N, C-alpha and C. Protein backbone atom coordinates (compact mmCIF):
# COMPACT_ATOMS: atom_id res chain seq x y z
N MET A 1 0.83 -1.21 0.00
CA MET A 1 0.00 0.00 0.00
C MET A 1 0.86 1.26 0.00
N LEU A 2 1.93 1.25 0.79
CA LEU A 2 2.82 2.41 0.86
C LEU A 2 3.46 2.66 -0.50
N ASP A 3 3.92 1.60 -1.17
CA ASP A 3 4.53 1.75 -2.50
C ASP A 3 3.51 2.30 -3.50
N PHE A 4 2.28 1.85 -3.41
CA PHE A 4 1.23 2.31 -4.31
C PHE A 4 1.00 3.81 -4.14
N LEU A 5 0.98 4.28 -2.92
CA LEU A 5 0.78 5.70 -2.66
C LEU A 5 1.94 6.53 -3.19
N ARG A 6 3.15 5.96 -3.10
CA ARG A 6 4.33 6.67 -3.62
C ARG A 6 4.30 6.75 -5.14
N ILE A 7 3.86 5.66 -5.80
CA ILE A 7 3.75 5.66 -7.25
C ILE A 7 2.79 6.75 -7.71
N LEU A 8 1.71 6.92 -6.98
CA LEU A 8 0.72 7.96 -7.30
C LEU A 8 1.17 9.35 -6.88
N LYS A 9 2.34 9.40 -6.23
CA LYS A 9 2.92 10.67 -5.76
C LYS A 9 1.98 11.40 -4.81
N ILE A 10 1.31 10.61 -3.97
CA ILE A 10 0.43 11.19 -2.95
C ILE A 10 1.27 11.53 -1.72
N ASP A 11 1.25 12.78 -1.31
CA ASP A 11 2.04 13.22 -0.15
C ASP A 11 1.41 12.68 1.13
N ILE A 12 2.15 11.82 1.81
CA ILE A 12 1.62 11.22 3.05
C ILE A 12 2.51 11.56 4.24
N SER A 13 3.35 12.61 4.08
CA SER A 13 4.15 13.05 5.21
C SER A 13 3.26 13.78 6.20
N LYS A 14 3.70 13.83 7.44
CA LYS A 14 2.87 14.39 8.51
C LYS A 14 3.68 15.37 9.34
N ASN A 15 3.18 16.58 9.50
CA ASN A 15 3.80 17.54 10.40
C ASN A 15 3.06 17.51 11.72
N ASN A 16 3.77 17.11 12.81
CA ASN A 16 3.10 16.96 14.10
C ASN A 16 3.22 18.19 14.98
N GLY A 17 3.65 19.30 14.37
CA GLY A 17 3.78 20.54 15.12
C GLY A 17 5.18 20.82 15.59
N ILE A 18 6.04 19.79 15.55
CA ILE A 18 7.44 19.95 15.96
C ILE A 18 8.36 19.67 14.79
N ASP A 19 8.11 18.58 14.07
CA ASP A 19 8.93 18.23 12.93
C ASP A 19 8.10 17.46 11.91
N LEU A 20 8.72 17.19 10.75
CA LEU A 20 8.05 16.48 9.66
C LEU A 20 8.37 15.00 9.74
N ILE A 21 7.34 14.16 9.79
CA ILE A 21 7.51 12.71 9.86
C ILE A 21 7.24 12.13 8.48
N GLU A 22 8.29 11.56 7.86
CA GLU A 22 8.14 10.98 6.54
C GLU A 22 7.12 9.84 6.56
N ASP A 23 6.21 9.85 5.59
CA ASP A 23 5.14 8.84 5.49
C ASP A 23 4.26 8.83 6.74
N GLY A 24 4.22 9.95 7.43
CA GLY A 24 3.52 10.02 8.71
C GLY A 24 2.03 9.73 8.63
N ASP A 25 1.37 10.20 7.56
CA ASP A 25 -0.07 9.95 7.44
C ASP A 25 -0.37 8.47 7.19
N TYR A 26 0.53 7.80 6.46
CA TYR A 26 0.36 6.36 6.23
C TYR A 26 0.49 5.61 7.55
N PHE A 27 1.54 5.93 8.29
CA PHE A 27 1.74 5.26 9.57
C PHE A 27 0.65 5.65 10.57
N LYS A 28 0.12 6.85 10.42
CA LYS A 28 -0.97 7.27 11.29
C LYS A 28 -2.20 6.39 11.04
N PHE A 29 -2.46 6.07 9.75
CA PHE A 29 -3.58 5.20 9.41
C PHE A 29 -3.39 3.82 10.04
N LEU A 30 -2.18 3.26 9.91
CA LEU A 30 -1.90 1.96 10.53
C LEU A 30 -2.00 2.06 12.04
N GLY A 31 -1.54 3.20 12.57
CA GLY A 31 -1.61 3.41 14.01
C GLY A 31 -3.04 3.44 14.51
N HIS A 32 -3.93 4.06 13.71
CA HIS A 32 -5.35 4.07 14.08
C HIS A 32 -5.87 2.66 14.27
N ILE A 33 -5.54 1.78 13.32
CA ILE A 33 -6.04 0.40 13.37
C ILE A 33 -5.51 -0.32 14.61
N ASN A 34 -4.18 -0.24 14.82
CA ASN A 34 -3.58 -0.90 15.98
C ASN A 34 -4.13 -0.35 17.29
N ALA A 35 -4.17 0.97 17.37
CA ALA A 35 -4.59 1.60 18.62
C ALA A 35 -6.05 1.33 18.94
N PHE A 36 -6.90 1.46 17.95
CA PHE A 36 -8.33 1.30 18.21
C PHE A 36 -8.68 -0.13 18.62
N ASN A 37 -7.97 -1.10 18.04
CA ASN A 37 -8.21 -2.50 18.44
C ASN A 37 -7.80 -2.74 19.88
N ARG A 38 -6.68 -2.17 20.28
CA ARG A 38 -6.12 -2.43 21.61
C ARG A 38 -6.71 -1.53 22.69
N LEU A 39 -7.09 -0.33 22.30
CA LEU A 39 -7.48 0.68 23.29
C LEU A 39 -8.97 0.95 23.33
N LEU A 40 -9.76 0.15 22.63
CA LEU A 40 -11.16 0.47 22.41
C LEU A 40 -11.90 0.87 23.68
N GLU A 41 -11.71 0.13 24.76
CA GLU A 41 -12.47 0.41 25.98
C GLU A 41 -12.06 1.72 26.64
N ARG A 42 -10.91 2.27 26.25
CA ARG A 42 -10.45 3.53 26.84
C ARG A 42 -10.66 4.73 25.92
N LEU A 43 -11.21 4.49 24.75
CA LEU A 43 -11.35 5.57 23.78
C LEU A 43 -12.65 6.34 23.93
N TYR A 44 -13.02 6.58 25.17
CA TYR A 44 -14.22 7.36 25.46
C TYR A 44 -13.90 8.42 26.52
N CYS A 45 -14.47 9.58 26.33
CA CYS A 45 -14.28 10.67 27.29
C CYS A 45 -14.98 10.32 28.60
N GLU A 46 -14.29 10.47 29.70
CA GLU A 46 -14.88 10.15 31.00
C GLU A 46 -15.91 11.19 31.44
N GLU A 47 -15.90 12.34 30.78
CA GLU A 47 -16.83 13.41 31.14
C GLU A 47 -18.16 13.29 30.38
N CYS A 48 -18.07 13.11 29.05
CA CYS A 48 -19.29 13.11 28.23
C CYS A 48 -19.58 11.76 27.57
N ASN A 49 -18.66 10.80 27.72
CA ASN A 49 -18.82 9.44 27.18
C ASN A 49 -18.78 9.36 25.66
N ASN A 50 -18.38 10.42 24.99
CA ASN A 50 -18.21 10.38 23.55
C ASN A 50 -16.81 9.87 23.20
N LEU A 51 -16.65 9.42 21.95
CA LEU A 51 -15.34 8.95 21.50
C LEU A 51 -14.31 10.07 21.57
N ILE A 52 -13.07 9.72 21.89
CA ILE A 52 -11.97 10.67 21.81
C ILE A 52 -11.20 10.39 20.53
N TYR A 53 -10.46 11.39 20.05
CA TYR A 53 -9.83 11.30 18.73
C TYR A 53 -8.32 11.50 18.82
N PRO A 54 -7.57 10.89 17.88
CA PRO A 54 -6.11 11.02 17.89
C PRO A 54 -5.68 12.46 17.66
N LYS A 55 -4.57 12.82 18.28
CA LYS A 55 -4.07 14.19 18.18
C LYS A 55 -2.86 14.28 17.27
N ASN A 56 -1.75 13.60 17.63
CA ASN A 56 -0.52 13.67 16.85
C ASN A 56 0.07 12.28 16.62
N THR A 57 0.88 12.17 15.57
CA THR A 57 1.63 10.94 15.29
C THR A 57 2.92 10.95 16.11
N SER A 58 3.33 9.77 16.57
CA SER A 58 4.55 9.67 17.37
C SER A 58 5.66 8.98 16.59
N HIS A 59 6.91 9.39 16.85
CA HIS A 59 8.06 8.73 16.25
C HIS A 59 8.32 7.36 16.86
N PHE A 60 8.06 7.22 18.17
CA PHE A 60 8.54 6.02 18.86
C PHE A 60 7.50 5.45 19.81
N ALA A 61 6.53 4.78 19.29
CA ALA A 61 5.55 4.10 20.13
C ALA A 61 5.04 2.88 19.38
N LEU A 62 4.68 1.86 20.13
CA LEU A 62 4.10 0.68 19.51
C LEU A 62 2.86 1.10 18.72
N PHE A 63 2.07 1.97 19.33
CA PHE A 63 0.93 2.57 18.63
C PHE A 63 1.36 3.96 18.19
N ARG A 64 1.19 4.27 16.91
CA ARG A 64 1.55 5.60 16.43
C ARG A 64 0.65 6.67 17.07
N ASP A 65 -0.56 6.29 17.40
CA ASP A 65 -1.47 7.23 18.06
C ASP A 65 -1.42 7.00 19.56
N ILE A 66 -0.88 7.96 20.30
CA ILE A 66 -0.80 7.83 21.75
C ILE A 66 -1.41 9.03 22.47
N ARG A 67 -1.72 10.08 21.72
CA ARG A 67 -2.33 11.27 22.31
C ARG A 67 -3.70 11.50 21.70
N PHE A 68 -4.68 11.68 22.57
CA PHE A 68 -6.06 11.80 22.13
C PHE A 68 -6.71 13.01 22.82
N TYR A 69 -7.88 13.39 22.31
CA TYR A 69 -8.63 14.46 22.97
C TYR A 69 -10.10 14.38 22.57
N CYS A 70 -10.94 14.94 23.41
CA CYS A 70 -12.38 14.99 23.14
C CYS A 70 -12.67 16.22 22.29
N ILE A 71 -13.57 16.06 21.31
CA ILE A 71 -13.91 17.19 20.44
C ILE A 71 -15.36 17.65 20.63
N GLU A 72 -16.04 17.07 21.61
CA GLU A 72 -17.43 17.46 21.87
C GLU A 72 -17.49 18.92 22.32
N LYS A 73 -18.24 19.73 21.62
CA LYS A 73 -18.25 21.18 21.85
C LYS A 73 -18.68 21.56 23.26
N THR A 74 -19.61 20.82 23.83
CA THR A 74 -20.16 21.19 25.14
C THR A 74 -19.43 20.51 26.31
N CYS A 75 -18.42 19.70 26.01
CA CYS A 75 -17.73 18.95 27.07
C CYS A 75 -16.71 19.84 27.79
N SER A 76 -16.68 19.77 29.11
CA SER A 76 -15.73 20.57 29.89
C SER A 76 -14.30 20.09 29.71
N LYS A 77 -14.13 18.88 29.18
CA LYS A 77 -12.79 18.31 28.95
C LYS A 77 -12.35 18.45 27.49
N LYS A 78 -13.07 19.24 26.72
CA LYS A 78 -12.77 19.41 25.30
C LYS A 78 -11.32 19.84 25.10
N HIS A 79 -10.62 19.14 24.21
CA HIS A 79 -9.25 19.42 23.79
C HIS A 79 -8.21 19.19 24.88
N GLU A 80 -8.60 18.62 26.01
CA GLU A 80 -7.60 18.24 27.02
C GLU A 80 -6.90 16.97 26.56
N GLU A 81 -5.57 17.01 26.54
CA GLU A 81 -4.82 15.88 26.00
C GLU A 81 -4.91 14.66 26.91
N ILE A 82 -5.12 13.50 26.29
CA ILE A 82 -5.17 12.21 26.99
C ILE A 82 -4.09 11.32 26.40
N TYR A 83 -3.22 10.82 27.24
CA TYR A 83 -2.13 9.95 26.79
C TYR A 83 -2.49 8.50 27.05
N LEU A 84 -2.43 7.67 26.00
CA LEU A 84 -2.70 6.24 26.11
C LEU A 84 -1.58 5.47 25.42
N ASN A 85 -0.97 4.54 26.13
CA ASN A 85 0.11 3.75 25.53
C ASN A 85 0.33 2.49 26.33
N ASN A 86 1.08 1.55 25.75
CA ASN A 86 1.46 0.35 26.47
C ASN A 86 2.40 0.66 27.62
N CYS A 87 2.34 -0.14 28.67
CA CYS A 87 3.33 -0.05 29.74
C CYS A 87 4.71 -0.33 29.16
N LEU A 88 5.70 0.39 29.66
CA LEU A 88 7.08 0.21 29.21
C LEU A 88 7.55 -1.23 29.39
N TYR A 89 7.15 -1.86 30.50
CA TYR A 89 7.57 -3.23 30.76
C TYR A 89 6.63 -4.18 30.03
N GLY A 90 7.12 -4.83 28.99
CA GLY A 90 6.30 -5.62 28.08
C GLY A 90 5.49 -6.73 28.72
N GLU A 91 6.03 -7.37 29.75
CA GLU A 91 5.31 -8.47 30.39
C GLU A 91 4.04 -8.00 31.08
N CYS A 92 3.98 -6.74 31.43
CA CYS A 92 2.84 -6.18 32.16
C CYS A 92 1.59 -6.07 31.28
N LYS A 93 1.74 -5.55 30.07
CA LYS A 93 0.65 -5.44 29.09
C LYS A 93 -0.49 -4.52 29.53
N THR A 94 -0.23 -3.66 30.50
CA THR A 94 -1.24 -2.69 30.94
C THR A 94 -1.22 -1.47 30.02
N ILE A 95 -2.38 -0.86 29.82
CA ILE A 95 -2.46 0.39 29.07
C ILE A 95 -2.29 1.56 30.03
N ILE A 96 -1.29 2.38 29.78
CA ILE A 96 -1.08 3.59 30.57
C ILE A 96 -2.11 4.63 30.15
N ASP A 97 -2.76 5.24 31.11
CA ASP A 97 -3.80 6.23 30.85
C ASP A 97 -3.52 7.45 31.72
N SER A 98 -3.29 8.59 31.09
CA SER A 98 -2.95 9.81 31.84
C SER A 98 -4.09 10.29 32.72
N ARG A 99 -5.29 9.78 32.50
CA ARG A 99 -6.42 10.12 33.36
C ARG A 99 -6.35 9.37 34.68
N ILE A 100 -5.50 8.36 34.74
CA ILE A 100 -5.32 7.55 35.94
C ILE A 100 -3.98 7.84 36.61
N SER A 101 -2.95 7.98 35.81
CA SER A 101 -1.58 8.01 36.33
C SER A 101 -0.93 9.38 36.31
N GLU A 102 -0.06 9.61 37.28
CA GLU A 102 0.81 10.79 37.32
C GLU A 102 2.13 10.46 36.62
N ARG A 103 2.92 11.49 36.36
CA ARG A 103 4.24 11.30 35.76
C ARG A 103 5.31 11.19 36.84
N CYS A 104 6.38 10.48 36.53
CA CYS A 104 7.57 10.53 37.38
C CYS A 104 8.32 11.82 37.05
N LYS A 105 9.38 12.11 37.76
CA LYS A 105 10.06 13.39 37.57
C LYS A 105 10.75 13.51 36.21
N HIS A 106 10.88 12.38 35.51
CA HIS A 106 11.48 12.41 34.18
C HIS A 106 10.43 12.52 33.08
N GLY A 107 9.17 12.70 33.47
CA GLY A 107 8.12 12.99 32.51
C GLY A 107 7.36 11.80 31.96
N LEU A 108 7.64 10.58 32.44
CA LEU A 108 6.94 9.39 31.96
C LEU A 108 5.79 9.04 32.90
N PHE A 109 4.66 8.64 32.33
CA PHE A 109 3.53 8.24 33.16
C PHE A 109 3.81 6.90 33.83
N ILE A 110 3.35 6.78 35.08
CA ILE A 110 3.64 5.61 35.91
C ILE A 110 2.54 4.56 35.73
N CYS A 111 2.93 3.33 35.46
CA CYS A 111 1.96 2.25 35.29
C CYS A 111 1.26 1.96 36.61
N HIS A 112 -0.07 1.90 36.58
CA HIS A 112 -0.82 1.66 37.82
C HIS A 112 -0.82 0.19 38.23
N ASN A 113 -0.28 -0.68 37.38
CA ASN A 113 -0.25 -2.11 37.68
C ASN A 113 1.10 -2.56 38.22
N CYS A 114 2.18 -2.17 37.54
CA CYS A 114 3.51 -2.63 37.96
C CYS A 114 4.42 -1.52 38.44
N GLY A 115 4.02 -0.25 38.28
CA GLY A 115 4.82 0.86 38.77
C GLY A 115 5.95 1.30 37.88
N THR A 116 6.11 0.67 36.72
CA THR A 116 7.18 1.05 35.81
C THR A 116 6.88 2.40 35.19
N CYS A 117 7.93 3.23 35.06
CA CYS A 117 7.74 4.53 34.42
C CYS A 117 8.78 4.74 33.32
N CYS A 118 10.04 4.90 33.70
CA CYS A 118 11.08 5.18 32.71
C CYS A 118 12.28 4.26 32.93
N SER A 119 13.12 4.18 31.92
CA SER A 119 14.33 3.36 32.03
C SER A 119 15.45 4.00 31.22
N GLU A 120 16.68 3.67 31.57
CA GLU A 120 17.83 4.15 30.81
C GLU A 120 17.77 3.65 29.38
N ASP A 121 17.36 2.40 29.22
CA ASP A 121 17.26 1.82 27.88
C ASP A 121 16.25 2.56 27.03
N LEU A 122 15.12 2.96 27.62
CA LEU A 122 14.10 3.72 26.90
C LEU A 122 14.66 5.03 26.39
N PHE A 123 15.35 5.76 27.24
CA PHE A 123 15.91 7.05 26.84
C PHE A 123 16.93 6.89 25.72
N LYS A 124 17.75 5.86 25.80
CA LYS A 124 18.75 5.61 24.76
C LYS A 124 18.09 5.30 23.43
N ARG A 125 17.04 4.47 23.47
CA ARG A 125 16.35 4.10 22.23
C ARG A 125 15.64 5.30 21.62
N ARG A 126 15.06 6.14 22.46
CA ARG A 126 14.38 7.34 21.95
C ARG A 126 15.38 8.27 21.26
N LEU A 127 16.52 8.46 21.90
CA LEU A 127 17.53 9.35 21.32
C LEU A 127 18.04 8.79 20.00
N ALA A 128 18.32 7.49 19.96
CA ALA A 128 18.81 6.86 18.73
C ALA A 128 17.78 6.97 17.61
N ASN A 129 16.51 6.80 17.96
CA ASN A 129 15.45 6.86 16.96
C ASN A 129 15.28 8.27 16.41
N LEU A 130 15.34 9.26 17.30
CA LEU A 130 15.20 10.64 16.85
C LEU A 130 16.39 11.07 16.00
N ASN A 131 17.57 10.60 16.34
CA ASN A 131 18.75 10.88 15.51
C ASN A 131 18.60 10.27 14.13
N LYS A 132 18.00 9.09 14.09
CA LYS A 132 17.82 8.38 12.82
C LYS A 132 16.82 9.07 11.91
N VAL A 133 15.69 9.50 12.47
CA VAL A 133 14.64 10.10 11.64
C VAL A 133 14.77 11.61 11.52
N GLY A 134 15.70 12.19 12.27
CA GLY A 134 15.90 13.63 12.19
C GLY A 134 14.88 14.44 12.95
N GLY A 135 14.29 13.85 13.99
CA GLY A 135 13.29 14.55 14.79
C GLY A 135 13.91 15.51 15.79
N TYR A 136 13.06 16.34 16.38
CA TYR A 136 13.52 17.30 17.39
C TYR A 136 13.95 16.56 18.65
N ILE A 137 15.12 16.90 19.16
CA ILE A 137 15.66 16.26 20.36
C ILE A 137 15.68 17.28 21.49
N HIS A 138 14.92 17.00 22.53
CA HIS A 138 14.85 17.91 23.67
C HIS A 138 16.10 17.73 24.54
N GLU A 139 16.56 18.83 25.12
CA GLU A 139 17.76 18.79 25.96
C GLU A 139 17.59 17.85 27.15
N GLU A 140 16.36 17.75 27.66
CA GLU A 140 16.10 16.88 28.80
C GLU A 140 16.36 15.42 28.45
N LEU A 141 16.05 15.02 27.22
CA LEU A 141 16.32 13.65 26.79
C LEU A 141 17.82 13.38 26.76
N ILE A 142 18.57 14.32 26.24
CA ILE A 142 20.03 14.17 26.22
C ILE A 142 20.57 14.05 27.64
N ASP A 143 20.05 14.88 28.54
CA ASP A 143 20.47 14.84 29.94
C ASP A 143 20.13 13.49 30.58
N ASN A 144 18.95 12.96 30.29
CA ASN A 144 18.56 11.66 30.85
C ASN A 144 19.46 10.54 30.37
N VAL A 145 19.90 10.62 29.12
CA VAL A 145 20.80 9.60 28.58
C VAL A 145 22.19 9.73 29.20
N GLU A 146 22.71 10.95 29.21
CA GLU A 146 24.07 11.17 29.70
C GLU A 146 24.20 10.85 31.19
N ASN A 147 23.16 11.12 31.96
CA ASN A 147 23.21 10.91 33.41
C ASN A 147 22.56 9.60 33.86
N GLN A 148 22.16 8.78 32.89
CA GLN A 148 21.57 7.47 33.19
C GLN A 148 20.44 7.60 34.22
N ASN A 149 19.45 8.41 33.85
CA ASN A 149 18.41 8.80 34.81
C ASN A 149 17.23 7.84 34.94
N GLY A 150 17.21 6.75 34.20
CA GLY A 150 16.06 5.84 34.26
C GLY A 150 15.83 5.25 35.64
N HIS A 151 14.56 4.99 35.97
CA HIS A 151 14.20 4.44 37.28
C HIS A 151 14.19 2.92 37.32
N LEU A 152 13.82 2.27 36.22
CA LEU A 152 13.60 0.82 36.24
C LEU A 152 14.85 0.05 36.62
N GLU A 153 15.97 0.36 35.99
CA GLU A 153 17.20 -0.39 36.27
C GLU A 153 17.63 -0.26 37.72
N LYS A 154 17.30 0.88 38.34
CA LYS A 154 17.70 1.12 39.73
C LYS A 154 16.69 0.54 40.73
N LYS A 155 15.60 -0.01 40.21
CA LYS A 155 14.55 -0.58 41.06
C LYS A 155 13.93 0.50 41.95
N GLU A 156 13.71 1.65 41.35
CA GLU A 156 13.04 2.75 42.03
C GLU A 156 11.60 2.82 41.53
N TYR A 157 10.65 2.71 42.46
CA TYR A 157 9.24 2.72 42.09
C TYR A 157 8.52 3.91 42.73
N TYR A 158 7.57 4.47 41.98
CA TYR A 158 6.87 5.68 42.39
C TYR A 158 5.36 5.46 42.28
N CYS A 159 4.64 6.15 43.14
CA CYS A 159 3.18 5.99 43.21
C CYS A 159 2.51 6.61 41.98
N TYR A 160 1.64 5.86 41.36
CA TYR A 160 0.97 6.38 40.17
C TYR A 160 -0.07 7.45 40.51
N LYS A 161 -0.47 7.54 41.79
CA LYS A 161 -1.46 8.55 42.19
C LYS A 161 -0.83 9.88 42.58
N CYS A 162 0.28 9.84 43.31
CA CYS A 162 0.88 11.08 43.81
C CYS A 162 2.31 11.30 43.31
N SER A 163 2.88 10.31 42.63
CA SER A 163 4.24 10.31 42.09
C SER A 163 5.33 10.29 43.17
N GLY A 164 4.93 10.08 44.43
CA GLY A 164 5.92 9.97 45.50
C GLY A 164 6.63 8.63 45.50
N MET A 165 7.76 8.55 46.20
CA MET A 165 8.51 7.31 46.26
C MET A 165 7.73 6.23 47.01
N MET A 166 7.74 5.04 46.47
CA MET A 166 7.12 3.89 47.14
C MET A 166 8.11 3.29 48.13
N THR A 167 7.61 2.79 49.24
CA THR A 167 8.46 2.11 50.22
C THR A 167 8.61 0.64 49.83
N GLU A 168 9.84 0.17 49.81
CA GLU A 168 10.10 -1.24 49.53
C GLU A 168 9.80 -2.05 50.78
N ILE A 169 8.73 -2.85 50.75
CA ILE A 169 8.35 -3.68 51.89
C ILE A 169 9.17 -4.95 51.92
N ASN A 170 9.30 -5.57 50.76
CA ASN A 170 10.22 -6.69 50.57
C ASN A 170 10.67 -6.65 49.12
N GLU A 171 11.36 -7.66 48.68
CA GLU A 171 11.98 -7.63 47.36
C GLU A 171 11.00 -7.33 46.23
N ASN A 172 9.77 -7.81 46.35
CA ASN A 172 8.80 -7.66 45.26
C ASN A 172 7.52 -6.93 45.65
N THR A 173 7.53 -6.24 46.78
CA THR A 173 6.34 -5.53 47.24
C THR A 173 6.67 -4.09 47.58
N TYR A 174 5.88 -3.16 47.01
CA TYR A 174 6.10 -1.73 47.24
C TYR A 174 4.77 -1.08 47.62
N GLN A 175 4.84 -0.12 48.55
CA GLN A 175 3.62 0.56 49.00
C GLN A 175 3.86 2.06 49.13
N CYS A 176 2.80 2.82 48.84
CA CYS A 176 2.82 4.26 49.09
C CYS A 176 2.14 4.52 50.42
N THR A 177 2.84 5.12 51.35
CA THR A 177 2.28 5.35 52.68
C THR A 177 1.20 6.44 52.67
N GLU A 178 1.22 7.30 51.65
CA GLU A 178 0.25 8.38 51.57
C GLU A 178 -1.05 7.93 50.91
N CYS A 179 -0.95 7.20 49.81
CA CYS A 179 -2.13 6.84 49.01
C CYS A 179 -2.61 5.41 49.24
N LYS A 180 -1.84 4.65 50.03
CA LYS A 180 -2.18 3.24 50.28
C LYS A 180 -2.21 2.42 48.98
N VAL A 181 -1.40 2.84 48.03
CA VAL A 181 -1.27 2.12 46.76
C VAL A 181 -0.16 1.09 46.91
N GLY A 182 -0.34 -0.08 46.30
CA GLY A 182 0.68 -1.12 46.38
C GLY A 182 0.97 -1.74 45.04
N TYR A 183 2.23 -2.16 44.84
CA TYR A 183 2.62 -2.93 43.66
C TYR A 183 3.10 -4.30 44.12
N ASP A 184 2.46 -5.34 43.62
CA ASP A 184 2.89 -6.71 43.89
C ASP A 184 3.58 -7.22 42.64
N LEU A 185 4.90 -7.33 42.70
CA LEU A 185 5.69 -7.67 41.51
C LEU A 185 5.98 -9.15 41.40
N ASP A 186 5.48 -9.95 42.34
CA ASP A 186 5.70 -11.40 42.28
C ASP A 186 5.12 -12.02 41.01
N LYS A 187 4.09 -11.40 40.46
CA LYS A 187 3.41 -11.98 39.29
C LYS A 187 4.18 -11.81 38.00
N PHE A 188 5.28 -11.04 38.04
CA PHE A 188 6.07 -10.82 36.83
C PHE A 188 7.32 -11.69 36.85
N LYS A 189 7.42 -12.57 35.88
CA LYS A 189 8.44 -13.61 35.88
C LYS A 189 9.84 -13.09 35.59
N TRP A 190 9.93 -12.10 34.71
CA TRP A 190 11.24 -11.67 34.22
C TRP A 190 11.65 -10.28 34.70
N LEU A 191 10.88 -9.66 35.56
CA LEU A 191 11.13 -8.27 35.94
C LEU A 191 12.49 -8.08 36.60
N ASP A 192 12.92 -9.06 37.40
CA ASP A 192 14.19 -8.90 38.10
C ASP A 192 15.38 -8.77 37.15
N ARG A 193 15.21 -9.20 35.91
CA ARG A 193 16.29 -9.08 34.93
C ARG A 193 16.50 -7.63 34.50
N LYS A 194 15.52 -6.79 34.78
CA LYS A 194 15.62 -5.37 34.44
C LYS A 194 16.36 -4.58 35.53
N TRP A 195 16.45 -5.16 36.73
CA TRP A 195 17.06 -4.45 37.85
C TRP A 195 18.57 -4.61 37.81
N THR A 196 19.20 -3.98 36.86
CA THR A 196 20.63 -4.20 36.61
C THR A 196 21.54 -3.20 37.31
N LYS A 197 20.97 -2.13 37.87
CA LYS A 197 21.81 -1.09 38.47
C LYS A 197 21.26 -0.66 39.83
N THR A 198 20.89 -1.64 40.64
CA THR A 198 20.33 -1.32 41.96
C THR A 198 21.35 -0.64 42.85
N ASN A 199 22.63 -0.80 42.56
CA ASN A 199 23.68 -0.14 43.34
C ASN A 199 23.66 1.37 43.14
N ARG A 200 22.96 1.83 42.11
CA ARG A 200 22.88 3.27 41.83
C ARG A 200 21.54 3.86 42.30
N ARG A 201 20.78 3.09 43.03
CA ARG A 201 19.52 3.61 43.58
C ARG A 201 19.82 4.78 44.51
N ARG A 202 18.95 5.78 44.53
CA ARG A 202 19.17 6.96 45.36
C ARG A 202 19.28 6.57 46.83
N ASP A 203 20.15 7.27 47.56
CA ASP A 203 20.45 6.91 48.95
C ASP A 203 19.25 7.04 49.87
N ASP A 204 18.34 7.95 49.55
CA ASP A 204 17.20 8.19 50.44
C ASP A 204 15.97 7.37 50.06
N TYR A 205 16.14 6.37 49.20
CA TYR A 205 14.98 5.57 48.81
C TYR A 205 14.47 4.80 50.02
N PRO A 206 13.16 4.90 50.33
CA PRO A 206 12.62 4.30 51.56
C PRO A 206 12.52 2.78 51.49
N VAL A 207 13.08 2.13 52.50
CA VAL A 207 13.02 0.67 52.63
C VAL A 207 12.46 0.35 54.01
N TYR A 208 11.46 -0.50 54.06
CA TYR A 208 10.86 -0.91 55.33
C TYR A 208 11.96 -1.44 56.24
N GLN A 209 11.99 -0.96 57.49
CA GLN A 209 13.12 -1.22 58.38
C GLN A 209 13.38 -2.71 58.58
N GLN A 210 12.34 -3.49 58.74
CA GLN A 210 12.54 -4.92 58.96
C GLN A 210 13.21 -5.56 57.74
N ASN A 211 12.80 -5.10 56.55
CA ASN A 211 13.40 -5.61 55.33
C ASN A 211 14.86 -5.21 55.25
N ARG A 212 15.15 -3.95 55.66
CA ARG A 212 16.53 -3.48 55.65
C ARG A 212 17.39 -4.31 56.60
N ASN A 213 16.84 -4.58 57.81
CA ASN A 213 17.59 -5.38 58.78
C ASN A 213 17.84 -6.79 58.27
N ASN A 214 16.83 -7.37 57.62
CA ASN A 214 17.00 -8.71 57.07
C ASN A 214 18.09 -8.74 56.01
N ASN A 215 18.11 -7.71 55.17
CA ASN A 215 19.13 -7.65 54.13
C ASN A 215 20.51 -7.50 54.71
N GLU A 216 20.62 -6.68 55.78
CA GLU A 216 21.91 -6.48 56.41
C GLU A 216 22.39 -7.76 57.07
N GLU A 217 21.46 -8.48 57.72
CA GLU A 217 21.84 -9.72 58.37
C GLU A 217 22.30 -10.75 57.36
N ASP A 218 21.68 -10.73 56.18
CA ASP A 218 22.06 -11.68 55.15
C ASP A 218 23.48 -11.45 54.66
N ASN A 219 23.98 -10.23 54.87
CA ASN A 219 25.33 -9.93 54.40
C ASN A 219 26.41 -10.42 55.36
N PHE A 220 26.03 -10.77 56.60
CA PHE A 220 27.01 -11.23 57.57
C PHE A 220 27.36 -12.70 57.30
N PRO A 221 28.63 -13.09 57.49
CA PRO A 221 29.03 -14.48 57.24
C PRO A 221 28.72 -15.39 58.41
N PHE A 222 28.03 -14.89 59.44
CA PHE A 222 27.74 -15.73 60.61
C PHE A 222 26.30 -15.59 61.04
């Protein structure tokens, strides 16, 4: 289909307001199909219950359509951006919804199921992709790559309701003391393979005292 459109010399590039995406309208069409099949139950405005519509095409998402908005004239939520995308951690398969989740300090929405938000690998892939396609590169992305700012590798989890740090209760259980939100990570088989830089976790990350004591005792040879 893409070759056919090129033969007809039909312009299918897309300007998303920041840069020009080659063949963007074609990929936007494919993105509509993928997104609508996967996101159907979330493609309704919570205020007026009407369908929400795609806003811009993305360079780097499983679904090309990840930003939506309501166009109902009388809706109080009209034109408010709604972000919908897959959870960064593939085994989770949860749909991230900005109407549910807050962002971590690096700007990524926090999964309400597994707590994953951002990773060093994600930032590297985004930068490489933008360099490849010639897209606009924000200074914050460069900073995140250079300073290895991702949370996943460090095993740092944040509350999807308030974005505060979660307390590590044990190896696979995290809780927010303010919102009473919890992440049970036992159900994810391969998640521990992502925790490759726990030695770089921030010094003030909260760990339940009993868990801390158990870990310290485990380090003693007697």
